[in-house]
Amino acid sequence: MSTPTVPTGRFSADPARDARGEWALILLSAASGAADAFAFLCLGQVFAGVMTGNLVLLGGSAAGVGEHGVALRVVTALVAYSCGVACGAWMGERLRWRLPAMLLVEVVLLTAGAVLWGLELITSGGDRLGLLAVISLAMGIQGRIRATPTNYFTGTLTSLVGRVALRSLRGEDGWVMGRLIAVVAGATATALTVRLWPGAAAWVAAAMAAAALLAEMVPGRPSRG
């Protein structure tokens, strides 16, 4: 008699994960939503971390539709994000940095961007391109250093809806739903800040990433990738 096999996949439960680790993932997801909302609303209607959306925008630009200059902004975000992914891979696989150290790099980049924006030092189109590159670089690092996605969610949503349809929800699916909600919450918080206090708009992503870093630095927890 054969032994039944248990389906496994990218979003299988991590036995080393605890509630604090899940909260760190939720905070990073919120940081992603906040960073993308800031980039879209303040830096020229492109995304800092959602590269699929940027590729669609690039295709529209190639066809002659969309906002003027969007192609340059999309290419800037794509290149910077790719550099961030490469840096994350290098830090994790070659330098063997621990997760908190890699997250610290992201927090520093997002904080630098927030300071520049808050001090109103971003005054030209070129300045906005540079700030977009900094934030996309941070999102690339975030996207590479965690096995669980925190800045692209199509696969996450697809897997979750599939399990709902098959009535095969798992114990950690509440946390999965939490990450999806966090993306929306982060974007909403940034959008509200843009309306009420524009100079602080970039701080939302930086604050969420810093909170995630603090969660990962809780003593007694393993640093995971």
N, C-alpha and C. Protein backbone atom coordinates (compact mmCIF):
# COMPACT_ATOMS: atom_id res chain seq x y z
N MET A 1 0.85 -1.19 0.00
CA MET A 1 0.00 0.00 0.00
C MET A 1 0.88 1.23 0.00
N SER A 2 0.62 2.15 -0.91
CA SER A 2 1.47 3.32 -1.01
C SER A 2 1.14 4.33 0.09
N THR A 3 2.15 5.08 0.46
CA THR A 3 1.97 6.11 1.48
C THR A 3 1.47 7.38 0.83
N PRO A 4 0.38 7.95 1.34
CA PRO A 4 -0.13 9.18 0.72
C PRO A 4 0.91 10.29 0.78
N THR A 5 0.96 11.04 -0.26
CA THR A 5 1.89 12.16 -0.28
C THR A 5 1.17 13.44 0.08
N VAL A 6 1.87 14.31 0.76
CA VAL A 6 1.31 15.60 1.15
C VAL A 6 1.77 16.65 0.16
N PRO A 7 0.86 17.35 -0.50
CA PRO A 7 1.27 18.35 -1.47
C PRO A 7 2.14 19.41 -0.81
N THR A 8 3.19 19.75 -1.50
CA THR A 8 4.06 20.80 -1.00
C THR A 8 4.23 21.83 -2.10
N GLY A 9 4.65 23.01 -1.72
CA GLY A 9 4.81 24.07 -2.70
C GLY A 9 5.53 25.24 -2.09
N ARG A 10 5.57 26.30 -2.83
CA ARG A 10 6.34 27.46 -2.43
C ARG A 10 5.84 28.04 -1.12
N PHE A 11 4.55 27.92 -0.85
CA PHE A 11 3.98 28.55 0.31
C PHE A 11 3.71 27.55 1.44
N SER A 12 4.44 26.44 1.46
CA SER A 12 4.29 25.49 2.54
C SER A 12 4.73 26.11 3.85
N ALA A 13 4.18 25.59 4.93
CA ALA A 13 4.49 26.15 6.24
C ALA A 13 5.96 25.97 6.58
N ASP A 14 6.52 26.97 7.19
CA ASP A 14 7.90 26.91 7.67
C ASP A 14 7.87 26.53 9.13
N PRO A 15 8.38 25.34 9.51
CA PRO A 15 8.28 24.90 10.89
C PRO A 15 9.03 25.79 11.85
N ALA A 16 10.00 26.58 11.35
CA ALA A 16 10.76 27.44 12.24
C ALA A 16 10.06 28.78 12.46
N ARG A 17 8.94 29.01 11.79
CA ARG A 17 8.28 30.31 11.84
C ARG A 17 7.40 30.39 13.07
N ASP A 18 7.40 31.53 13.72
CA ASP A 18 6.52 31.75 14.86
C ASP A 18 5.74 33.02 14.62
N ALA A 19 4.95 33.41 15.60
CA ALA A 19 4.07 34.56 15.42
C ALA A 19 4.86 35.84 15.15
N ARG A 20 6.00 36.01 15.83
CA ARG A 20 6.78 37.22 15.60
C ARG A 20 7.32 37.25 14.17
N GLY A 21 7.73 36.11 13.67
CA GLY A 21 8.20 36.04 12.29
C GLY A 21 7.10 36.37 11.31
N GLU A 22 5.88 35.90 11.59
CA GLU A 22 4.75 36.22 10.71
C GLU A 22 4.43 37.70 10.75
N TRP A 23 4.54 38.30 11.91
CA TRP A 23 4.31 39.75 12.00
C TRP A 23 5.37 40.51 11.21
N ALA A 24 6.60 40.03 11.23
CA ALA A 24 7.65 40.67 10.43
C ALA A 24 7.29 40.63 8.94
N LEU A 25 6.76 39.49 8.48
CA LEU A 25 6.35 39.37 7.08
C LEU A 25 5.20 40.33 6.77
N ILE A 26 4.27 40.46 7.69
CA ILE A 26 3.15 41.38 7.49
C ILE A 26 3.65 42.82 7.41
N LEU A 27 4.58 43.18 8.28
CA LEU A 27 5.13 44.55 8.26
C LEU A 27 5.89 44.82 6.97
N LEU A 28 6.64 43.84 6.49
CA LEU A 28 7.33 44.01 5.21
C LEU A 28 6.34 44.14 4.06
N SER A 29 5.26 43.39 4.13
CA SER A 29 4.22 43.51 3.10
C SER A 29 3.62 44.90 3.11
N ALA A 30 3.39 45.44 4.30
CA ALA A 30 2.87 46.81 4.41
C ALA A 30 3.88 47.81 3.86
N ALA A 31 5.16 47.58 4.14
CA ALA A 31 6.21 48.45 3.60
C ALA A 31 6.20 48.43 2.08
N SER A 32 5.98 47.25 1.50
CA SER A 32 5.92 47.13 0.05
C SER A 32 4.75 47.93 -0.53
N GLY A 33 3.56 47.77 0.07
CA GLY A 33 2.42 48.52 -0.40
C GLY A 33 2.63 50.02 -0.27
N ALA A 34 3.26 50.43 0.83
CA ALA A 34 3.53 51.86 1.05
C ALA A 34 4.53 52.39 0.03
N ALA A 35 5.59 51.62 -0.23
CA ALA A 35 6.62 52.07 -1.18
C ALA A 35 6.05 52.19 -2.59
N ASP A 36 5.23 51.22 -3.00
CA ASP A 36 4.65 51.28 -4.34
C ASP A 36 3.66 52.43 -4.46
N ALA A 37 2.86 52.67 -3.42
CA ALA A 37 1.93 53.79 -3.47
C ALA A 37 2.68 55.11 -3.54
N PHE A 38 3.75 55.25 -2.78
CA PHE A 38 4.54 56.48 -2.82
C PHE A 38 5.14 56.70 -4.20
N ALA A 39 5.72 55.65 -4.76
CA ALA A 39 6.33 55.78 -6.08
C ALA A 39 5.28 56.15 -7.13
N PHE A 40 4.13 55.50 -7.06
CA PHE A 40 3.10 55.76 -8.07
C PHE A 40 2.53 57.17 -7.93
N LEU A 41 2.27 57.60 -6.71
CA LEU A 41 1.60 58.88 -6.50
C LEU A 41 2.55 60.07 -6.57
N CYS A 42 3.79 59.86 -6.17
CA CYS A 42 4.70 61.00 -6.02
C CYS A 42 5.87 61.01 -7.01
N LEU A 43 6.18 59.89 -7.62
CA LEU A 43 7.38 59.82 -8.45
C LEU A 43 7.09 59.54 -9.92
N GLY A 44 5.82 59.58 -10.31
CA GLY A 44 5.57 59.48 -11.74
C GLY A 44 4.79 58.29 -12.22
N GLN A 45 3.88 57.75 -11.39
CA GLN A 45 2.96 56.69 -11.81
C GLN A 45 3.68 55.44 -12.32
N VAL A 46 4.70 55.04 -11.60
CA VAL A 46 5.34 53.73 -11.80
C VAL A 46 5.45 53.08 -10.42
N PHE A 47 5.87 51.83 -10.41
CA PHE A 47 5.96 51.08 -9.17
C PHE A 47 7.42 50.86 -8.78
N ALA A 48 7.65 50.80 -7.48
CA ALA A 48 9.00 50.55 -6.98
C ALA A 48 9.28 49.05 -6.83
N GLY A 49 8.23 48.24 -6.62
CA GLY A 49 8.46 46.83 -6.37
C GLY A 49 7.66 45.89 -7.24
N VAL A 50 6.56 46.35 -7.83
CA VAL A 50 5.72 45.48 -8.66
C VAL A 50 6.22 45.55 -10.09
N MET A 51 7.16 44.70 -10.43
CA MET A 51 7.78 44.78 -11.74
C MET A 51 6.85 44.30 -12.86
N THR A 52 5.89 43.43 -12.55
CA THR A 52 4.93 43.02 -13.57
C THR A 52 4.13 44.22 -14.05
N GLY A 53 3.67 45.02 -13.10
CA GLY A 53 2.95 46.24 -13.47
C GLY A 53 3.81 47.19 -14.29
N ASN A 54 5.09 47.29 -13.93
CA ASN A 54 5.98 48.17 -14.69
C ASN A 54 6.19 47.67 -16.11
N LEU A 55 6.27 46.36 -16.29
CA LEU A 55 6.43 45.82 -17.64
C LEU A 55 5.20 46.13 -18.49
N VAL A 56 4.02 46.06 -17.88
CA VAL A 56 2.80 46.42 -18.60
C VAL A 56 2.84 47.89 -19.00
N LEU A 57 3.27 48.75 -18.06
CA LEU A 57 3.39 50.18 -18.37
C LEU A 57 4.39 50.42 -19.49
N LEU A 58 5.47 49.65 -19.48
CA LEU A 58 6.48 49.79 -20.52
C LEU A 58 5.90 49.40 -21.88
N GLY A 59 5.10 48.33 -21.89
CA GLY A 59 4.46 47.93 -23.14
C GLY A 59 3.51 48.99 -23.66
N GLY A 60 2.74 49.59 -22.74
CA GLY A 60 1.84 50.67 -23.15
C GLY A 60 2.60 51.86 -23.68
N SER A 61 3.72 52.18 -23.05
CA SER A 61 4.54 53.30 -23.51
C SER A 61 5.10 53.02 -24.90
N ALA A 62 5.51 51.77 -25.14
CA ALA A 62 6.05 51.41 -26.46
C ALA A 62 4.99 51.57 -27.55
N ALA A 63 3.71 51.42 -27.15
CA ALA A 63 2.62 51.58 -28.12
C ALA A 63 2.17 53.03 -28.25
N GLY A 64 2.83 53.92 -27.51
CA GLY A 64 2.52 55.33 -27.63
C GLY A 64 1.41 55.82 -26.75
N VAL A 65 1.03 55.04 -25.73
CA VAL A 65 0.00 55.49 -24.80
C VAL A 65 0.60 55.60 -23.41
N GLY A 66 -0.10 56.27 -22.51
CA GLY A 66 0.42 56.44 -21.16
C GLY A 66 1.06 57.80 -20.98
N GLU A 67 1.46 58.07 -19.76
CA GLU A 67 2.01 59.38 -19.41
C GLU A 67 3.38 59.58 -20.08
N HIS A 68 3.66 60.82 -20.45
CA HIS A 68 4.93 61.15 -21.09
C HIS A 68 6.09 60.85 -20.14
N GLY A 69 7.12 60.19 -20.66
CA GLY A 69 8.32 59.91 -19.88
C GLY A 69 8.24 58.68 -19.01
N VAL A 70 7.11 57.94 -19.10
CA VAL A 70 6.96 56.79 -18.21
C VAL A 70 7.97 55.71 -18.52
N ALA A 71 8.37 55.57 -19.78
CA ALA A 71 9.32 54.51 -20.14
C ALA A 71 10.63 54.67 -19.41
N LEU A 72 11.14 55.89 -19.31
CA LEU A 72 12.39 56.12 -18.60
C LEU A 72 12.25 55.78 -17.13
N ARG A 73 11.12 56.14 -16.54
CA ARG A 73 10.91 55.83 -15.13
C ARG A 73 10.78 54.32 -14.91
N VAL A 74 10.10 53.65 -15.82
CA VAL A 74 9.96 52.21 -15.70
C VAL A 74 11.33 51.52 -15.80
N VAL A 75 12.11 51.92 -16.78
CA VAL A 75 13.44 51.33 -16.95
C VAL A 75 14.30 51.59 -15.71
N THR A 76 14.21 52.80 -15.16
CA THR A 76 14.96 53.12 -13.95
C THR A 76 14.57 52.19 -12.81
N ALA A 77 13.26 51.99 -12.63
CA ALA A 77 12.79 51.10 -11.56
C ALA A 77 13.22 49.67 -11.81
N LEU A 78 13.13 49.21 -13.04
CA LEU A 78 13.52 47.83 -13.36
C LEU A 78 15.00 47.59 -13.09
N VAL A 79 15.83 48.52 -13.54
CA VAL A 79 17.28 48.36 -13.34
C VAL A 79 17.63 48.40 -11.85
N ALA A 80 17.05 49.38 -11.13
CA ALA A 80 17.36 49.51 -9.71
C ALA A 80 16.86 48.30 -8.93
N TYR A 81 15.66 47.83 -9.24
CA TYR A 81 15.13 46.65 -8.56
C TYR A 81 16.03 45.44 -8.82
N SER A 82 16.46 45.27 -10.06
CA SER A 82 17.35 44.15 -10.39
C SER A 82 18.66 44.24 -9.62
N CYS A 83 19.18 45.45 -9.49
CA CYS A 83 20.41 45.63 -8.70
C CYS A 83 20.17 45.26 -7.24
N GLY A 84 18.98 45.61 -6.73
CA GLY A 84 18.65 45.24 -5.36
C GLY A 84 18.58 43.74 -5.18
N VAL A 85 17.97 43.06 -6.15
CA VAL A 85 17.91 41.59 -6.10
C VAL A 85 19.32 41.00 -6.10
N ALA A 86 20.18 41.53 -6.97
CA ALA A 86 21.56 41.04 -7.04
C ALA A 86 22.29 41.29 -5.72
N CYS A 87 22.09 42.47 -5.13
CA CYS A 87 22.72 42.77 -3.85
C CYS A 87 22.22 41.84 -2.75
N GLY A 88 20.89 41.60 -2.74
CA GLY A 88 20.34 40.68 -1.74
C GLY A 88 20.90 39.28 -1.88
N ALA A 89 21.02 38.82 -3.13
CA ALA A 89 21.59 37.49 -3.37
C ALA A 89 23.04 37.43 -2.91
N TRP A 90 23.79 38.47 -3.22
CA TRP A 90 25.21 38.50 -2.84
C TRP A 90 25.37 38.53 -1.33
N MET A 91 24.58 39.39 -0.66
CA MET A 91 24.69 39.48 0.79
C MET A 91 24.32 38.17 1.47
N GLY A 92 23.27 37.52 0.95
CA GLY A 92 22.80 36.31 1.60
C GLY A 92 23.60 35.07 1.25
N GLU A 93 23.95 34.91 -0.03
CA GLU A 93 24.57 33.67 -0.48
C GLU A 93 26.10 33.70 -0.48
N ARG A 94 26.68 34.86 -0.71
CA ARG A 94 28.13 34.97 -0.76
C ARG A 94 28.72 35.48 0.55
N LEU A 95 28.15 36.56 1.04
CA LEU A 95 28.68 37.14 2.28
C LEU A 95 28.11 36.49 3.53
N ARG A 96 27.03 35.74 3.37
CA ARG A 96 26.39 35.02 4.48
C ARG A 96 25.94 35.98 5.57
N TRP A 97 25.45 37.14 5.18
CA TRP A 97 24.91 38.06 6.18
C TRP A 97 23.63 37.48 6.76
N ARG A 98 23.39 37.79 8.02
CA ARG A 98 22.15 37.39 8.66
C ARG A 98 21.03 38.30 8.20
N LEU A 99 19.80 37.81 8.31
CA LEU A 99 18.65 38.54 7.81
C LEU A 99 18.53 39.95 8.39
N PRO A 100 18.70 40.15 9.70
CA PRO A 100 18.58 41.52 10.21
C PRO A 100 19.57 42.49 9.57
N ALA A 101 20.78 42.04 9.27
CA ALA A 101 21.76 42.93 8.63
C ALA A 101 21.30 43.32 7.24
N MET A 102 20.71 42.38 6.51
CA MET A 102 20.23 42.69 5.17
C MET A 102 19.01 43.61 5.21
N LEU A 103 18.14 43.37 6.18
CA LEU A 103 17.00 44.26 6.34
C LEU A 103 17.44 45.67 6.74
N LEU A 104 18.52 45.76 7.49
CA LEU A 104 19.03 47.07 7.89
C LEU A 104 19.43 47.88 6.66
N VAL A 105 20.00 47.22 5.67
CA VAL A 105 20.36 47.93 4.44
C VAL A 105 19.11 48.51 3.79
N GLU A 106 18.04 47.71 3.73
CA GLU A 106 16.79 48.21 3.17
C GLU A 106 16.26 49.41 3.96
N VAL A 107 16.28 49.29 5.28
CA VAL A 107 15.78 50.38 6.12
C VAL A 107 16.58 51.66 5.91
N VAL A 108 17.90 51.52 5.79
CA VAL A 108 18.75 52.70 5.56
C VAL A 108 18.39 53.36 4.24
N LEU A 109 18.18 52.57 3.19
CA LEU A 109 17.83 53.13 1.89
C LEU A 109 16.47 53.85 1.94
N LEU A 110 15.48 53.20 2.55
CA LEU A 110 14.16 53.82 2.63
C LEU A 110 14.19 55.07 3.50
N THR A 111 14.96 55.04 4.57
CA THR A 111 15.07 56.20 5.44
C THR A 111 15.76 57.36 4.73
N ALA A 112 16.81 57.04 3.98
CA ALA A 112 17.49 58.09 3.21
C ALA A 112 16.53 58.75 2.22
N GLY A 113 15.73 57.92 1.56
CA GLY A 113 14.75 58.46 0.63
C GLY A 113 13.71 59.32 1.32
N ALA A 114 13.27 58.88 2.51
CA ALA A 114 12.27 59.65 3.25
C ALA A 114 12.83 60.99 3.71
N VAL A 115 14.09 61.01 4.11
CA VAL A 115 14.72 62.27 4.54
C VAL A 115 14.81 63.23 3.37
N LEU A 116 15.29 62.74 2.23
CA LEU A 116 15.41 63.59 1.05
C LEU A 116 14.05 64.17 0.64
N TRP A 117 13.02 63.32 0.67
CA TRP A 117 11.69 63.79 0.30
C TRP A 117 11.15 64.77 1.35
N GLY A 118 11.31 64.44 2.61
CA GLY A 118 10.79 65.29 3.68
C GLY A 118 11.43 66.65 3.74
N LEU A 119 12.71 66.74 3.40
CA LEU A 119 13.42 68.02 3.40
C LEU A 119 13.21 68.80 2.10
N GLU A 120 12.36 68.26 1.24
CA GLU A 120 12.04 68.90 -0.04
C GLU A 120 13.27 69.13 -0.91
N LEU A 121 14.17 68.13 -0.88
CA LEU A 121 15.36 68.19 -1.71
C LEU A 121 15.14 67.56 -3.08
N ILE A 122 13.98 66.94 -3.27
CA ILE A 122 13.63 66.33 -4.55
C ILE A 122 12.80 67.36 -5.32
N THR A 123 13.46 68.07 -6.21
CA THR A 123 12.80 69.21 -6.85
C THR A 123 12.71 69.11 -8.37
N SER A 124 13.34 68.13 -8.98
CA SER A 124 13.35 68.05 -10.43
C SER A 124 13.01 66.64 -10.88
N GLY A 125 12.80 66.49 -12.18
CA GLY A 125 12.55 65.17 -12.72
C GLY A 125 13.71 64.21 -12.50
N GLY A 126 14.92 64.73 -12.63
CA GLY A 126 16.08 63.90 -12.37
C GLY A 126 16.17 63.46 -10.93
N ASP A 127 15.82 64.37 -10.01
CA ASP A 127 15.80 64.01 -8.59
C ASP A 127 14.80 62.90 -8.32
N ARG A 128 13.65 62.98 -8.96
CA ARG A 128 12.63 61.95 -8.77
C ARG A 128 13.10 60.60 -9.31
N LEU A 129 13.79 60.63 -10.43
CA LEU A 129 14.35 59.38 -10.94
C LEU A 129 15.34 58.78 -9.95
N GLY A 130 16.18 59.61 -9.36
CA GLY A 130 17.14 59.11 -8.39
C GLY A 130 16.46 58.53 -7.17
N LEU A 131 15.42 59.21 -6.68
CA LEU A 131 14.69 58.69 -5.51
C LEU A 131 13.97 57.40 -5.85
N LEU A 132 13.40 57.33 -7.05
CA LEU A 132 12.77 56.09 -7.49
C LEU A 132 13.77 54.95 -7.51
N ALA A 133 14.98 55.22 -7.96
CA ALA A 133 16.03 54.19 -8.00
C ALA A 133 16.37 53.71 -6.59
N VAL A 134 16.45 54.63 -5.63
CA VAL A 134 16.77 54.26 -4.25
C VAL A 134 15.69 53.35 -3.67
N ILE A 135 14.43 53.71 -3.86
CA ILE A 135 13.34 52.92 -3.29
C ILE A 135 13.20 51.59 -4.00
N SER A 136 13.39 51.57 -5.31
CA SER A 136 13.33 50.30 -6.05
C SER A 136 14.49 49.39 -5.65
N LEU A 137 15.64 49.96 -5.40
CA LEU A 137 16.77 49.18 -4.92
C LEU A 137 16.42 48.50 -3.60
N ALA A 138 15.80 49.25 -2.69
CA ALA A 138 15.38 48.68 -1.41
C ALA A 138 14.37 47.56 -1.60
N MET A 139 13.42 47.76 -2.51
CA MET A 139 12.40 46.73 -2.75
C MET A 139 13.02 45.48 -3.38
N GLY A 140 14.04 45.66 -4.21
CA GLY A 140 14.72 44.50 -4.77
C GLY A 140 15.41 43.67 -3.70
N ILE A 141 16.05 44.35 -2.76
CA ILE A 141 16.67 43.65 -1.64
C ILE A 141 15.62 42.88 -0.86
N GLN A 142 14.51 43.55 -0.54
CA GLN A 142 13.45 42.89 0.21
C GLN A 142 12.91 41.67 -0.53
N GLY A 143 12.75 41.82 -1.84
CA GLY A 143 12.19 40.72 -2.62
C GLY A 143 13.08 39.49 -2.67
N ARG A 144 14.39 39.67 -2.50
CA ARG A 144 15.33 38.56 -2.65
C ARG A 144 15.67 37.85 -1.34
N ILE A 145 15.63 38.58 -0.23
CA ILE A 145 16.20 38.00 0.99
C ILE A 145 15.21 37.17 1.78
N ARG A 146 13.93 37.17 1.41
CA ARG A 146 12.95 36.35 2.09
C ARG A 146 12.41 35.28 1.15
N ALA A 147 12.29 34.05 1.64
CA ALA A 147 11.70 32.99 0.84
C ALA A 147 10.21 33.22 0.62
N THR A 148 9.55 33.84 1.60
CA THR A 148 8.13 34.15 1.49
C THR A 148 7.96 35.50 0.81
N PRO A 149 7.18 35.59 -0.26
CA PRO A 149 7.03 36.86 -0.97
C PRO A 149 6.44 37.94 -0.08
N THR A 150 7.03 39.12 -0.13
CA THR A 150 6.49 40.26 0.61
C THR A 150 6.35 41.49 -0.27
N ASN A 151 6.63 41.39 -1.56
CA ASN A 151 6.39 42.53 -2.43
C ASN A 151 5.86 42.14 -3.82
N TYR A 152 5.44 40.89 -3.97
CA TYR A 152 4.69 40.49 -5.17
C TYR A 152 3.74 39.38 -4.72
N PHE A 153 2.47 39.52 -5.09
CA PHE A 153 1.44 38.73 -4.41
C PHE A 153 0.48 38.01 -5.33
N THR A 154 0.73 38.03 -6.63
CA THR A 154 -0.17 37.32 -7.53
C THR A 154 -0.17 35.82 -7.22
N GLY A 155 1.01 35.25 -7.04
CA GLY A 155 1.09 33.83 -6.71
C GLY A 155 0.47 33.53 -5.36
N THR A 156 0.69 34.43 -4.39
CA THR A 156 0.10 34.25 -3.06
C THR A 156 -1.41 34.23 -3.14
N LEU A 157 -1.97 35.20 -3.86
CA LEU A 157 -3.42 35.27 -3.99
C LEU A 157 -3.96 34.06 -4.75
N THR A 158 -3.27 33.67 -5.82
CA THR A 158 -3.70 32.51 -6.61
C THR A 158 -3.75 31.25 -5.75
N SER A 159 -2.70 31.01 -4.97
CA SER A 159 -2.65 29.82 -4.12
C SER A 159 -3.75 29.84 -3.06
N LEU A 160 -3.95 31.02 -2.45
CA LEU A 160 -4.95 31.12 -1.40
C LEU A 160 -6.36 30.89 -1.96
N VAL A 161 -6.68 31.54 -3.06
CA VAL A 161 -8.02 31.36 -3.65
C VAL A 161 -8.23 29.92 -4.09
N GLY A 162 -7.18 29.30 -4.63
CA GLY A 162 -7.28 27.90 -5.01
C GLY A 162 -7.60 27.00 -3.83
N ARG A 163 -6.95 27.25 -2.70
CA ARG A 163 -7.23 26.44 -1.51
C ARG A 163 -8.63 26.71 -0.97
N VAL A 164 -9.09 27.97 -1.08
CA VAL A 164 -10.46 28.27 -0.66
C VAL A 164 -11.45 27.50 -1.53
N ALA A 165 -11.21 27.51 -2.84
CA ALA A 165 -12.11 26.82 -3.75
C ALA A 165 -12.16 25.31 -3.48
N LEU A 166 -11.02 24.75 -3.10
CA LEU A 166 -10.95 23.31 -2.82
C LEU A 166 -11.24 22.96 -1.37
N ARG A 167 -11.55 23.97 -0.57
CA ARG A 167 -11.81 23.78 0.85
C ARG A 167 -10.66 23.07 1.53
N SER A 168 -9.45 23.51 1.20
CA SER A 168 -8.26 22.88 1.77
C SER A 168 -7.37 23.92 2.44
N LEU A 169 -7.99 24.84 3.16
CA LEU A 169 -7.22 25.88 3.84
C LEU A 169 -6.29 25.27 4.87
N ARG A 170 -5.14 25.94 5.06
CA ARG A 170 -4.14 25.47 6.00
C ARG A 170 -4.07 26.42 7.19
N GLY A 171 -3.38 25.97 8.23
CA GLY A 171 -3.33 26.75 9.45
C GLY A 171 -2.73 28.13 9.28
N GLU A 172 -1.74 28.23 8.38
CA GLU A 172 -1.06 29.52 8.20
C GLU A 172 -1.78 30.44 7.23
N ASP A 173 -2.91 30.02 6.69
CA ASP A 173 -3.57 30.86 5.70
C ASP A 173 -4.12 32.15 6.29
N GLY A 174 -4.35 32.18 7.59
CA GLY A 174 -4.73 33.43 8.22
C GLY A 174 -3.63 34.47 8.09
N TRP A 175 -2.37 34.03 8.23
CA TRP A 175 -1.24 34.93 8.07
C TRP A 175 -1.09 35.34 6.61
N VAL A 176 -1.38 34.41 5.68
CA VAL A 176 -1.32 34.75 4.26
C VAL A 176 -2.33 35.86 3.96
N MET A 177 -3.54 35.71 4.47
CA MET A 177 -4.54 36.76 4.29
C MET A 177 -4.06 38.06 4.93
N GLY A 178 -3.40 37.95 6.06
CA GLY A 178 -2.88 39.14 6.72
C GLY A 178 -1.88 39.89 5.87
N ARG A 179 -1.02 39.16 5.13
CA ARG A 179 -0.06 39.83 4.25
C ARG A 179 -0.76 40.56 3.11
N LEU A 180 -1.81 39.94 2.57
CA LEU A 180 -2.54 40.61 1.50
C LEU A 180 -3.23 41.88 2.01
N ILE A 181 -3.80 41.80 3.18
CA ILE A 181 -4.44 42.98 3.77
C ILE A 181 -3.40 44.04 4.07
N ALA A 182 -2.21 43.62 4.50
CA ALA A 182 -1.16 44.57 4.86
C ALA A 182 -0.71 45.39 3.66
N VAL A 183 -0.66 44.77 2.49
CA VAL A 183 -0.28 45.53 1.29
C VAL A 183 -1.25 46.67 1.06
N VAL A 184 -2.55 46.36 1.16
CA VAL A 184 -3.57 47.39 0.96
C VAL A 184 -3.47 48.45 2.05
N ALA A 185 -3.26 48.01 3.29
CA ALA A 185 -3.17 48.95 4.40
C ALA A 185 -1.97 49.89 4.24
N GLY A 186 -0.83 49.34 3.82
CA GLY A 186 0.35 50.18 3.61
C GLY A 186 0.13 51.21 2.52
N ALA A 187 -0.50 50.78 1.43
CA ALA A 187 -0.78 51.71 0.34
C ALA A 187 -1.78 52.77 0.77
N THR A 188 -2.79 52.36 1.53
CA THR A 188 -3.79 53.31 2.01
C THR A 188 -3.17 54.34 2.94
N ALA A 189 -2.31 53.87 3.84
CA ALA A 189 -1.65 54.79 4.77
C ALA A 189 -0.81 55.83 4.03
N THR A 190 -0.10 55.38 3.01
CA THR A 190 0.71 56.32 2.23
C THR A 190 -0.16 57.30 1.47
N ALA A 191 -1.23 56.81 0.86
CA ALA A 191 -2.12 57.69 0.11
C ALA A 191 -2.73 58.75 1.01
N LEU A 192 -3.14 58.37 2.21
CA LEU A 192 -3.69 59.34 3.15
C LEU A 192 -2.63 60.35 3.57
N THR A 193 -1.40 59.88 3.76
CA THR A 193 -0.33 60.78 4.14
C THR A 193 -0.02 61.77 3.03
N VAL A 194 -0.07 61.29 1.79
CA VAL A 194 0.14 62.20 0.65
C VAL A 194 -0.89 63.33 0.67
N ARG A 195 -2.12 62.99 1.03
CA ARG A 195 -3.17 64.01 1.07
C ARG A 195 -3.03 64.95 2.26
N LEU A 196 -2.67 64.39 3.41
CA LEU A 196 -2.70 65.18 4.63
C LEU A 196 -1.36 65.79 5.02
N TRP A 197 -0.27 65.12 4.68
CA TRP A 197 1.06 65.57 5.08
C TRP A 197 2.07 65.08 4.03
N PRO A 198 2.08 65.68 2.87
CA PRO A 198 2.87 65.16 1.75
C PRO A 198 4.34 64.94 2.06
N GLY A 199 4.93 65.81 2.88
CA GLY A 199 6.35 65.67 3.17
C GLY A 199 6.71 64.42 3.96
N ALA A 200 5.72 63.80 4.58
CA ALA A 200 5.98 62.58 5.35
C ALA A 200 5.61 61.32 4.60
N ALA A 201 5.22 61.45 3.33
CA ALA A 201 4.68 60.30 2.60
C ALA A 201 5.67 59.14 2.50
N ALA A 202 6.95 59.44 2.34
CA ALA A 202 7.94 58.37 2.17
C ALA A 202 8.29 57.69 3.49
N TRP A 203 7.88 58.28 4.60
CA TRP A 203 8.22 57.69 5.90
C TRP A 203 7.40 56.45 6.23
N VAL A 204 6.25 56.29 5.59
CA VAL A 204 5.41 55.14 5.93
C VAL A 204 6.14 53.84 5.63
N ALA A 205 6.69 53.73 4.42
CA ALA A 205 7.43 52.51 4.05
C ALA A 205 8.64 52.31 4.95
N ALA A 206 9.37 53.39 5.22
CA ALA A 206 10.56 53.27 6.08
C ALA A 206 10.19 52.80 7.47
N ALA A 207 9.09 53.34 8.01
CA ALA A 207 8.66 52.96 9.36
C ALA A 207 8.24 51.49 9.41
N MET A 208 7.52 51.02 8.40
CA MET A 208 7.09 49.62 8.37
C MET A 208 8.28 48.67 8.27
N ALA A 209 9.25 49.02 7.42
CA ALA A 209 10.44 48.18 7.29
C ALA A 209 11.25 48.18 8.57
N ALA A 210 11.34 49.34 9.24
CA ALA A 210 12.07 49.39 10.51
C ALA A 210 11.38 48.55 11.57
N ALA A 211 10.06 48.56 11.59
CA ALA A 211 9.33 47.72 12.54
C ALA A 211 9.57 46.24 12.27
N ALA A 212 9.62 45.87 10.98
CA ALA A 212 9.92 44.48 10.63
C ALA A 212 11.32 44.09 11.09
N LEU A 213 12.27 45.01 10.93
CA LEU A 213 13.63 44.75 11.39
C LEU A 213 13.65 44.52 12.89
N LEU A 214 12.93 45.33 13.65
CA LEU A 214 12.87 45.14 15.10
C LEU A 214 12.28 43.78 15.45
N ALA A 215 11.24 43.37 14.72
CA ALA A 215 10.64 42.06 14.97
C ALA A 215 11.63 40.94 14.71
N GLU A 216 12.44 41.07 13.66
CA GLU A 216 13.43 40.05 13.34
C GLU A 216 14.59 40.02 14.36
N MET A 217 14.77 41.11 15.08
CA MET A 217 15.88 41.19 16.03
C MET A 217 15.48 40.78 17.44
N VAL A 218 14.24 40.32 17.62
CA VAL A 218 13.82 39.87 18.93
C VAL A 218 14.73 38.76 19.41
N PRO A 219 15.31 38.87 20.60
CA PRO A 219 16.24 37.84 21.08
C PRO A 219 15.57 36.46 21.15
N GLY A 220 16.36 35.46 20.81
CA GLY A 220 15.90 34.09 20.92
C GLY A 220 15.23 33.54 19.69
N ARG A 221 15.10 34.38 18.63
CA ARG A 221 14.50 33.92 17.40
C ARG A 221 15.58 33.70 16.35
N PRO A 222 15.51 32.61 15.59
CA PRO A 222 16.47 32.40 14.53
C PRO A 222 16.28 33.40 13.42
N SER A 223 17.38 33.84 12.80
CA SER A 223 17.28 34.71 11.63
C SER A 223 17.14 33.84 10.40
N ARG A 224 16.01 34.00 9.72
CA ARG A 224 15.71 33.12 8.59
C ARG A 224 15.74 33.90 7.31
N GLY A 225 15.88 33.16 6.21
CA GLY A 225 15.82 33.78 4.90
C GLY A 225 14.45 33.69 4.31
